[in-house]
Each structure stands twice: as structure tokens, then as C-alpha cells.
Amino acid sequence: MIRVYKILKNTTAEGPGKRFCLWVQGCKKHCHGCYAKQTWDFDAGTPYSVSSLFEIIKAEKNNIEGVTFLGGEPFEQSAELSKLAQLIKNDLKLTLVCFSGYTYEELKNKKDKGTENLLKYIDLLIDGGFEEEKFDLSRPWVGSSNQNYIFLSDKYTSEDILNYKNKVEVHIKPDGKLEINGMGDFKEIESKFCLHLGENIVK
């Protein structure tokens, strides 16, 4: 089972092109200044089987370029996510982007089979935890200057990244709850709109 915080079936704010996004639940990193603290608790969220998540993604196949794993921390559930990643890549032929608070070197040094398997299926890894003192929105999808783009296949290149800019998306749920995803200066957004966004921002 994969414990999930949130699913967003179609977004253009979390990687190249239109993407299906899966926010997993649970993170040990607890980066200072993180706006997604609601994804830290390993006991929260909703459990899904690999097969049920695959069917949800499969239904969106014709509307998206790929899938993005976010968190929370995807590599805390690498064994099950690697099974889903294999289906996404081999059966659906979609690209896979993954965000991680760990650096690529840290992941390689884990010597963990689930981590190794998940890395095999990722096209673009965006690594490194958010560092508030290095806050920087000059590059797409990252919030601090220490974070890196790691190209693990030939699907994307550094030149491709230059075609994108950071942006946020706002979704109003049926119950009236406001949810925001993407990458931006959320403190400024809070200030300008007099909102408390901590419970709603998923990145």
C-alpha cells in the first residue's frame, strides 16, 4: 500500500507539460520553512494499493505527458512506488518526475533496493531539501538554490527546463476549501490576500 496525501489529475505547475501528481504522505526531513507540514505525518493520508493508483493514472493517460511524485518524501515509500513507477513507464509510456528532500548522492548511498528500483524509472529527479536561507525562485519547480535537476534519462534536458517558469495554481474544492499547488512566494501570497495557506499548500 502507498499512503497518499493528495492526488491532482492534471496540472502544469509540477514539472514539464501536463502532469498527474501524486503527493505521498510522510516525511522525516522536516525542513525549516516547509509549507507542506501536513504531509509529514506517516499515520495521516489515505492508503491506496499500487493497482488502484495505476488505474486512476491510466484513466488520465491521454490527457497528460507524465506523472510527478511529490511529498512528503517519495523515497520513504520507495518499494511500493517503484512498482507503480514500473507500470507507469512500461505500460503507459509516460515520463516520471520525482521530488526528493534527499540529495541524489544520499539516495545512491542508501544501498536500499526500493530506492535503487525507483531511481531506475525516474526521468527527472529534483533533489535536495528546502533551505529557507537559500530561498530562490529563479528556476522552475524549486524554492531554494541548493536544489538540483538530475537527469536520469534522455527524456528531458537542461535546455527543456529553460522553457518553464515557476507558477502556482489555485483550486477551489466543492466544500469551498482553497488549495494551491506549484512554486511561489507563499508568504507574499498570504500577506497580499490575507490568507492562512499552511493547510492548503502542498509543496
Protein backbone atom coordinates (compact mmCIF):
# COMPACT_ATOMS: atom_id res chain seq x y z
CA MET A 1 0.00 0.00 0.00
CA ILE A 2 1.03 3.58 -0.68
CA ARG A 3 -0.04 6.23 1.80
CA VAL A 4 -1.20 9.29 -0.15
CA TYR A 5 -1.74 12.88 0.92
CA LYS A 6 -3.28 14.15 -2.30
CA ILE A 7 -3.90 13.37 -5.96
CA LEU A 8 -4.12 16.02 -8.65
CA LYS A 9 -5.03 14.54 -12.01
CA ASN A 10 -3.92 17.36 -14.28
CA THR A 11 -1.57 20.25 -13.55
CA THR A 12 1.02 22.30 -15.43
CA ALA A 13 2.79 23.57 -12.31
CA GLU A 14 4.69 20.47 -11.16
CA GLY A 15 7.06 19.60 -13.97
CA PRO A 16 7.23 19.61 -17.76
CA GLY A 17 3.92 19.66 -19.64
CA LYS A 18 0.62 18.46 -18.24
CA ARG A 19 1.13 16.03 -15.39
CA PHE A 20 -0.67 13.74 -12.99
CA CYS A 21 0.63 14.46 -9.49
CA LEU A 22 0.79 12.12 -6.55
CA TRP A 23 1.69 13.59 -3.17
CA VAL A 24 2.71 10.84 -0.79
CA GLN A 25 2.21 11.07 2.96
CA GLY A 26 5.10 11.01 5.41
CA CYS A 27 8.44 12.80 5.64
CA LYS A 28 11.33 12.60 8.09
CA LYS A 29 13.19 15.63 6.76
CA HIS A 30 11.05 18.37 8.39
CA CYS A 31 12.80 21.20 6.54
CA HIS A 32 12.62 24.55 8.33
CA GLY A 33 10.17 26.80 6.48
CA CYS A 34 8.39 23.90 4.74
CA TYR A 35 4.87 24.82 3.62
CA ALA A 36 3.76 21.20 3.39
CA LYS A 37 3.92 20.21 7.05
CA GLN A 38 0.59 18.44 6.72
CA THR A 39 2.39 15.81 4.62
CA TRP A 40 4.91 14.94 7.38
CA ASP A 41 2.76 12.61 9.50
CA PHE A 42 3.25 8.98 8.42
CA ASP A 43 -0.06 7.98 10.01
CA ALA A 44 -2.18 10.51 8.11
CA GLY A 45 -3.32 10.39 4.50
CA THR A 46 -5.18 7.65 2.65
CA PRO A 47 -3.77 4.20 1.78
CA TYR A 48 -4.02 3.08 -1.85
CA SER A 49 -2.94 -0.13 -3.48
CA VAL A 50 -0.47 0.08 -6.35
CA SER A 51 -3.08 -1.35 -8.70
CA SER A 52 -5.75 1.18 -7.74
CA LEU A 53 -3.38 4.11 -8.25
CA PHE A 54 -2.32 2.68 -11.59
CA GLU A 55 -5.93 2.51 -12.77
CA ILE A 56 -6.52 6.14 -11.75
CA ILE A 57 -3.45 7.24 -13.68
CA LYS A 58 -4.30 5.03 -16.65
CA ALA A 59 -7.67 6.77 -16.98
CA GLU A 60 -5.81 10.07 -17.46
CA LYS A 61 -3.17 8.73 -19.86
CA ASN A 62 -4.40 10.62 -22.93
CA ASN A 63 -4.55 13.94 -21.09
CA ILE A 64 -1.04 14.04 -19.64
CA GLU A 65 2.64 13.93 -20.56
CA GLY A 66 3.72 12.23 -17.39
CA VAL A 67 3.45 11.67 -13.67
CA THR A 68 5.10 13.54 -10.80
CA PHE A 69 5.80 12.08 -7.36
CA LEU A 70 5.99 14.64 -4.54
CA GLY A 71 5.55 14.64 -0.82
CA GLY A 72 6.00 14.17 1.84
CA GLU A 73 9.01 12.18 0.83
CA PRO A 74 8.57 9.67 -2.02
CA PHE A 75 11.68 7.71 -1.11
CA GLU A 76 10.22 6.80 2.28
CA GLN A 77 7.82 4.61 0.29
CA SER A 78 10.23 3.65 -2.47
CA ALA A 79 9.50 -0.08 -2.51
CA GLU A 80 5.83 0.34 -3.41
CA LEU A 81 6.34 3.48 -5.50
CA SER A 82 8.91 1.67 -7.62
CA LYS A 83 6.25 -0.90 -8.53
CA LEU A 84 3.91 1.89 -9.58
CA ALA A 85 6.73 3.64 -11.45
CA GLN A 86 7.46 0.47 -13.41
CA LEU A 87 3.84 0.30 -14.57
CA ILE A 88 3.81 4.00 -15.45
CA LYS A 89 6.94 3.68 -17.56
CA ASN A 90 6.50 0.25 -19.14
CA ASP A 91 2.73 0.04 -19.61
CA LEU A 92 1.69 3.66 -20.05
CA LYS A 93 4.91 5.04 -21.61
CA LEU A 94 4.65 8.23 -19.55
CA THR A 95 7.51 10.29 -18.18
CA LEU A 96 8.25 10.36 -14.47
CA VAL A 97 9.42 13.32 -12.41
CA CYS A 98 10.19 12.91 -8.72
CA PHE A 99 10.92 15.46 -5.99
CA SER A 100 13.01 14.40 -3.01
CA GLY A 101 14.34 16.11 0.08
CA TYR A 102 17.35 13.82 -0.14
CA THR A 103 20.23 14.57 -2.48
CA TYR A 104 20.98 12.20 -5.32
CA GLU A 105 24.20 11.19 -3.58
CA GLU A 106 22.31 10.39 -0.38
CA LEU A 107 19.86 8.25 -2.31
CA LYS A 108 22.61 6.36 -4.10
CA ASN A 109 24.39 5.74 -0.82
CA LYS A 110 21.30 4.27 0.84
CA LYS A 111 22.04 0.86 -0.68
CA ASP A 112 18.33 0.18 -0.46
CA LYS A 113 16.68 -1.99 -3.12
CA GLY A 114 13.46 0.05 -3.22
CA THR A 115 15.41 3.27 -3.69
CA GLU A 116 17.56 1.73 -6.41
CA ASN A 117 14.49 0.43 -8.23
CA LEU A 118 12.63 3.74 -8.05
CA LEU A 119 15.64 5.66 -9.37
CA LYS A 120 15.69 3.35 -12.42
CA TYR A 121 12.32 4.64 -13.60
CA ILE A 122 12.72 8.36 -12.92
CA ASP A 123 13.42 10.66 -15.86
CA LEU A 124 13.95 13.84 -13.86
CA LEU A 125 14.84 13.91 -10.17
CA ILE A 126 14.63 17.27 -8.39
CA ASP A 127 16.70 16.76 -5.27
CA GLY A 128 17.56 18.48 -2.02
CA GLY A 129 15.54 19.72 0.91
CA PHE A 130 14.16 23.25 1.05
CA GLU A 131 16.66 25.62 2.75
CA GLU A 132 14.91 28.80 3.81
CA GLU A 133 18.14 30.82 3.98
CA LYS A 134 18.75 29.95 0.31
CA PHE A 135 15.26 30.92 -0.86
CA ASP A 136 15.37 31.36 -4.64
CA LEU A 137 12.57 31.22 -7.20
CA SER A 138 14.67 31.95 -10.27
CA ARG A 139 14.36 28.37 -11.56
CA PRO A 140 11.19 26.35 -12.18
CA TRP A 141 9.81 23.96 -9.56
CA VAL A 142 12.46 24.66 -6.90
CA GLY A 143 12.35 27.02 -3.93
CA SER A 144 15.97 27.22 -2.82
CA SER A 145 19.29 27.47 -4.64
CA ASN A 146 20.69 24.20 -3.24
CA GLN A 147 18.16 22.07 -5.10
CA ASN A 148 19.22 20.39 -8.34
CA TYR A 149 17.86 18.88 -11.53
CA ILE A 150 19.20 15.37 -12.01
CA PHE A 151 18.53 13.99 -15.49
CA LEU A 152 18.32 10.20 -15.21
CA SER A 153 17.20 9.55 -18.78
CA ASP A 154 17.26 11.34 -22.12
CA LYS A 155 13.60 12.40 -21.87
CA TYR A 156 14.44 15.88 -20.57
CA THR A 157 17.47 18.15 -20.79
CA SER A 158 18.64 21.34 -19.11
CA GLU A 159 17.53 23.19 -22.26
CA ASP A 160 13.99 21.89 -21.80
CA ILE A 161 13.89 23.33 -18.29
CA LEU A 162 14.55 26.84 -19.62
CA ASN A 163 11.14 26.79 -21.31
CA TYR A 164 9.33 26.88 -17.97
CA LYS A 165 8.80 29.39 -15.18
CA ASN A 166 7.52 28.94 -11.64
CA LYS A 167 3.80 29.37 -11.19
CA VAL A 168 1.03 28.48 -8.80
CA GLU A 169 -2.41 27.03 -9.43
CA VAL A 170 -5.46 27.66 -7.28
CA HIS A 171 -8.20 25.07 -6.95
CA ILE A 172 -11.50 25.61 -5.15
CA LYS A 173 -12.84 22.34 -3.79
CA PRO A 174 -16.58 21.50 -3.65
CA ASP A 175 -16.54 22.21 0.11
CA GLY A 176 -15.14 25.69 -0.56
CA LYS A 177 -11.63 24.85 0.60
CA LEU A 178 -8.88 26.68 -1.27
CA GLU A 179 -5.92 24.59 -2.39
CA ILE A 180 -2.77 25.93 -4.00
CA ASN A 181 -0.01 23.94 -5.67
CA GLY A 182 3.10 24.86 -7.57
CA MET A 183 6.04 27.01 -6.53
CA GLY A 184 5.88 30.64 -5.47
CA ASP A 185 6.48 33.06 -2.62
CA PHE A 186 3.71 31.76 -0.39
CA LYS A 187 4.49 34.22 2.41
CA GLU A 188 3.83 37.06 -0.04
CA ILE A 189 0.63 35.37 -1.24
CA GLU A 190 -0.56 35.07 2.35
CA SER A 191 0.22 38.71 3.00
CA LYS A 192 -1.46 40.07 -0.12
CA PHE A 193 -4.62 38.03 0.15
CA CYS A 194 -4.85 37.91 3.97
CA LEU A 195 -5.00 34.13 3.86
CA HIS A 196 -3.64 31.36 6.04
CA LEU A 197 -2.37 28.91 3.45
CA GLY A 198 -0.37 26.50 5.55
CA GLU A 199 -3.09 23.85 5.49
CA ASN A 200 -3.66 24.19 1.76
CA ILE A 201 -0.28 24.45 0.07
CA VAL A 202 1.03 21.07 -0.91
CA LYS A 203 4.57 21.99 -1.74
